[in-house]
Amino acid sequence: MADNNIRLASDPHLRRWMMFIDGDMIILPMIVTQAVASITRPANTTTYTPGDVITDDSNSRLVFSLLNRYGTDAMDGYEIKSAVCVSDANQVTDPDLELWLFVSDPTDLAADNAAFAPTDAELRSLAGIVMFPVASFVVGNAGSGVSGNIACIATNIGIAADAPTLFGVLVVRNAYVPVSAEKFIVTLQVVKSQN
């Protein structure tokens, strides 16, 4: 067995993994799905300081439910392949965002526009961080402010997890001037090998 040449490749369009052992292909089915969460920030236009969190009026976080997205298969592991962040505003300066993903609910979230300060216990449940850099946002509708919208796609993420729910916190890394009640929608593309 030590002489075998083993290679693994994925074909997301056909929803399968392919394993090649000494040139012989073995098909390993995979399941691709999306988990979507959104948050609407408060009705103000207070500028964010680098390191502030984006929450709603209830200091909520994004909740990505992955339970039962795989039919009857147990949630025994998956990988986040890509993520999309959409804002329903097109400001002069786009946001520079990080999406912190936790397997346990970070219940001590600061209020919107306050510094992100996770506890040691919360950081121990960190699954990974997805970057949505300011330079990667593209304009969808070129209208200014609330008349427009923008999107950012992060690819080749590779965050592995096995929790039925992931909790996301958006952290701003620039001086971002939002629109009132700006809505952020985040979509995770998730892949799981089918057992």
Protein backbone atom coordinates (compact mmCIF):
# COMPACT_ATOMS: atom_id res chain seq x y z
CA MET A 1 0.00 0.00 0.00
CA ALA A 2 2.93 2.36 0.55
CA ASP A 3 3.56 2.43 -3.22
CA ASN A 4 0.04 3.74 -4.00
CA ASN A 5 -0.28 7.16 -5.54
CA ILE A 6 -3.38 8.61 -3.82
CA ARG A 7 -4.94 11.91 -4.92
CA LEU A 8 -8.22 13.53 -3.89
CA ALA A 9 -10.11 16.00 -6.11
CA SER A 10 -13.53 17.61 -5.92
CA ASP A 11 -16.09 18.29 -8.61
CA PRO A 12 -18.62 20.68 -7.05
CA HIS A 13 -20.73 20.83 -10.21
CA LEU A 14 -21.38 17.11 -10.08
CA ARG A 15 -21.49 17.09 -6.26
CA ARG A 16 -18.87 14.48 -5.68
CA TRP A 17 -15.34 13.88 -4.48
CA MET A 18 -13.05 11.78 -6.61
CA MET A 19 -10.24 9.72 -5.15
CA PHE A 20 -7.56 8.39 -7.46
CA ILE A 21 -5.52 5.42 -6.27
CA ASP A 22 -2.82 4.43 -8.75
CA GLY A 23 -4.89 5.99 -11.53
CA ASP A 24 -8.14 4.20 -10.60
CA MET A 25 -10.97 6.61 -9.81
CA ILE A 26 -13.29 6.02 -6.86
CA ILE A 27 -16.35 8.30 -6.66
CA LEU A 28 -17.19 9.67 -3.22
CA PRO A 29 -20.51 11.55 -3.34
CA MET A 30 -20.64 14.94 -1.66
CA ILE A 31 -23.41 17.29 -0.73
CA VAL A 32 -23.24 21.02 -1.35
CA THR A 33 -25.57 23.42 0.42
CA GLN A 34 -25.81 27.00 1.61
CA ALA A 35 -26.52 28.51 5.00
CA VAL A 36 -27.75 32.12 5.06
CA ALA A 37 -27.99 34.60 7.92
CA SER A 38 -28.63 38.34 8.03
CA ILE A 39 -28.49 41.22 10.44
CA THR A 40 -29.98 44.71 10.26
CA ARG A 41 -27.95 47.27 12.15
CA PRO A 42 -29.62 50.03 14.21
CA ALA A 43 -31.23 53.08 12.61
CA ASN A 44 -28.27 55.45 12.95
CA THR A 45 -25.25 56.48 10.89
CA THR A 46 -22.59 56.39 13.61
CA THR A 47 -19.14 55.72 12.12
CA TYR A 48 -17.57 52.40 13.11
CA THR A 49 -14.10 52.43 14.66
CA PRO A 50 -11.75 49.61 13.61
CA GLY A 51 -12.51 46.63 15.86
CA ASP A 52 -16.21 47.44 16.41
CA VAL A 53 -18.95 44.83 16.02
CA ILE A 54 -22.01 45.08 13.80
CA THR A 55 -25.13 43.93 15.62
CA ASP A 56 -28.82 44.77 15.61
CA ASP A 57 -30.85 46.54 18.31
CA SER A 58 -30.79 43.32 20.38
CA ASN A 59 -27.00 42.82 20.15
CA SER A 60 -27.61 39.70 18.07
CA ARG A 61 -25.14 37.67 16.06
CA LEU A 62 -25.56 35.85 12.75
CA VAL A 63 -26.93 32.32 13.17
CA PHE A 64 -26.13 29.76 10.46
CA SER A 65 -28.27 26.66 10.87
CA LEU A 66 -26.72 23.61 9.22
CA LEU A 67 -28.86 20.99 10.97
CA ASN A 68 -30.98 18.87 8.59
CA ARG A 69 -29.43 20.46 5.50
CA TYR A 70 -28.08 17.04 4.63
CA GLY A 71 -31.28 15.03 4.68
CA THR A 72 -31.06 12.13 7.08
CA ASP A 73 -27.25 12.20 7.26
CA ALA A 74 -25.80 13.04 10.63
CA MET A 75 -23.86 16.26 10.90
CA ASP A 76 -20.46 14.66 11.35
CA GLY A 77 -18.30 17.24 9.65
CA TYR A 78 -18.30 19.70 6.79
CA GLU A 79 -16.13 22.34 5.18
CA ILE A 80 -16.95 25.95 4.37
CA LYS A 81 -15.68 26.47 0.82
CA SER A 82 -16.77 30.06 0.16
CA ALA A 83 -18.78 32.92 1.62
CA VAL A 84 -20.62 35.93 0.24
CA CYS A 85 -21.33 39.14 2.14
CA VAL A 86 -23.94 41.52 0.71
CA SER A 87 -24.84 44.99 1.99
CA ASP A 88 -27.95 46.85 0.91
CA ALA A 89 -25.95 50.10 0.79
CA ASN A 90 -23.28 51.53 -1.49
CA GLN A 91 -21.20 53.98 0.54
CA VAL A 92 -18.22 56.07 -0.64
CA THR A 93 -15.93 53.81 1.44
CA ASP A 94 -16.83 50.12 1.59
CA PRO A 95 -16.54 48.20 4.85
CA ASP A 96 -13.51 46.08 5.70
CA LEU A 97 -15.11 43.13 7.50
CA GLU A 98 -14.20 39.93 9.30
CA LEU A 99 -16.74 37.20 9.96
CA TRP A 100 -15.78 35.38 13.17
CA LEU A 101 -17.43 31.94 13.26
CA PHE A 102 -18.03 30.17 16.57
CA VAL A 103 -19.38 26.69 17.31
CA SER A 104 -20.78 27.93 20.66
CA ASP A 105 -23.06 30.93 20.98
CA PRO A 106 -21.05 34.07 21.93
CA THR A 107 -23.63 35.39 24.37
CA ASP A 108 -21.56 38.32 25.69
CA LEU A 109 -21.60 40.35 22.48
CA ALA A 110 -21.06 44.08 22.78
CA ALA A 111 -23.65 46.50 21.48
CA ASP A 112 -23.48 47.68 17.88
CA ASN A 113 -20.56 50.06 17.28
CA ALA A 114 -18.73 48.89 20.43
CA ALA A 115 -15.36 47.14 20.54
CA PHE A 116 -15.33 43.40 19.90
CA ALA A 117 -13.95 41.75 23.05
CA PRO A 118 -14.57 37.99 23.03
CA THR A 119 -13.97 36.11 26.27
CA ASP A 120 -11.38 33.34 26.58
CA ALA A 121 -14.20 30.78 26.65
CA GLU A 122 -15.72 32.20 23.47
CA LEU A 123 -12.38 32.10 21.64
CA ARG A 124 -11.99 28.43 22.53
CA SER A 125 -15.06 27.76 20.35
CA LEU A 126 -13.75 29.76 17.37
CA ALA A 127 -14.06 27.71 14.16
CA GLY A 128 -12.38 30.30 11.94
CA ILE A 129 -12.42 33.81 10.50
CA VAL A 130 -13.57 34.78 7.00
CA MET A 131 -12.14 38.00 5.58
CA PHE A 132 -14.23 40.39 3.47
CA PRO A 133 -11.57 43.03 2.67
CA VAL A 134 -12.57 46.52 1.59
CA ALA A 135 -10.76 46.16 -1.76
CA SER A 136 -12.76 43.02 -2.64
CA PHE A 137 -16.24 44.55 -2.43
CA VAL A 138 -17.85 45.16 -5.81
CA VAL A 139 -20.80 47.36 -6.67
CA GLY A 140 -24.05 45.71 -7.66
CA ASN A 141 -26.34 48.72 -7.96
CA ALA A 142 -24.29 51.89 -8.44
CA GLY A 143 -26.85 54.11 -6.71
CA SER A 144 -25.32 55.90 -3.74
CA GLY A 145 -26.07 55.07 -0.13
CA VAL A 146 -29.29 53.19 0.46
CA SER A 147 -30.10 53.33 -3.28
CA GLY A 148 -27.21 50.98 -4.10
CA ASN A 149 -25.71 47.71 -2.90
CA ILE A 150 -22.37 45.91 -2.77
CA ALA A 151 -21.10 42.33 -2.46
CA CYS A 152 -17.87 40.56 -1.54
CA ILE A 153 -16.98 36.91 -2.21
CA ALA A 154 -14.38 35.02 -0.18
CA THR A 155 -13.21 31.75 -1.77
CA ASN A 156 -10.94 28.84 -0.83
CA ILE A 157 -11.82 29.28 2.83
CA GLY A 158 -11.40 25.69 4.07
CA ILE A 159 -12.87 26.10 7.57
CA ALA A 160 -13.82 22.66 8.90
CA ALA A 161 -16.48 22.19 11.59
CA ASP A 162 -19.03 19.68 12.81
CA ALA A 163 -21.49 21.80 14.81
CA PRO A 164 -25.16 21.86 13.68
CA THR A 165 -25.16 25.65 14.13
CA LEU A 166 -22.45 28.25 13.61
CA PHE A 167 -22.64 31.70 15.17
CA GLY A 168 -21.14 34.62 13.27
CA VAL A 169 -19.94 38.01 14.45
CA LEU A 170 -19.19 40.76 11.92
CA VAL A 171 -16.22 42.90 12.98
CA VAL A 172 -15.35 46.13 11.15
CA ARG A 173 -11.65 46.81 10.51
CA ASN A 174 -11.88 50.31 9.03
CA ALA A 175 -13.62 53.60 9.79
CA TYR A 176 -16.87 52.69 8.07
CA VAL A 177 -19.79 55.11 7.79
CA PRO A 178 -22.98 53.00 7.48
CA VAL A 179 -26.44 53.93 6.33
CA SER A 180 -29.30 53.85 8.79
CA ALA A 181 -30.67 50.32 9.33
CA GLU A 182 -28.17 48.85 6.85
CA LYS A 183 -28.70 45.14 6.26
CA PHE A 184 -25.86 42.62 5.87
CA ILE A 185 -26.60 39.17 4.42
CA VAL A 186 -23.95 36.44 4.64
CA THR A 187 -24.14 33.15 2.73
CA LEU A 188 -21.84 30.22 3.45
CA GLN A 189 -21.31 27.51 0.83
CA VAL A 190 -20.81 24.28 2.72
CA VAL A 191 -19.59 20.90 1.43
CA LYS A 192 -19.97 17.57 3.19
CA SER A 193 -18.84 14.15 2.04
CA GLN A 194 -21.83 11.83 1.88
CA ASN A 195 -21.46 8.77 4.10
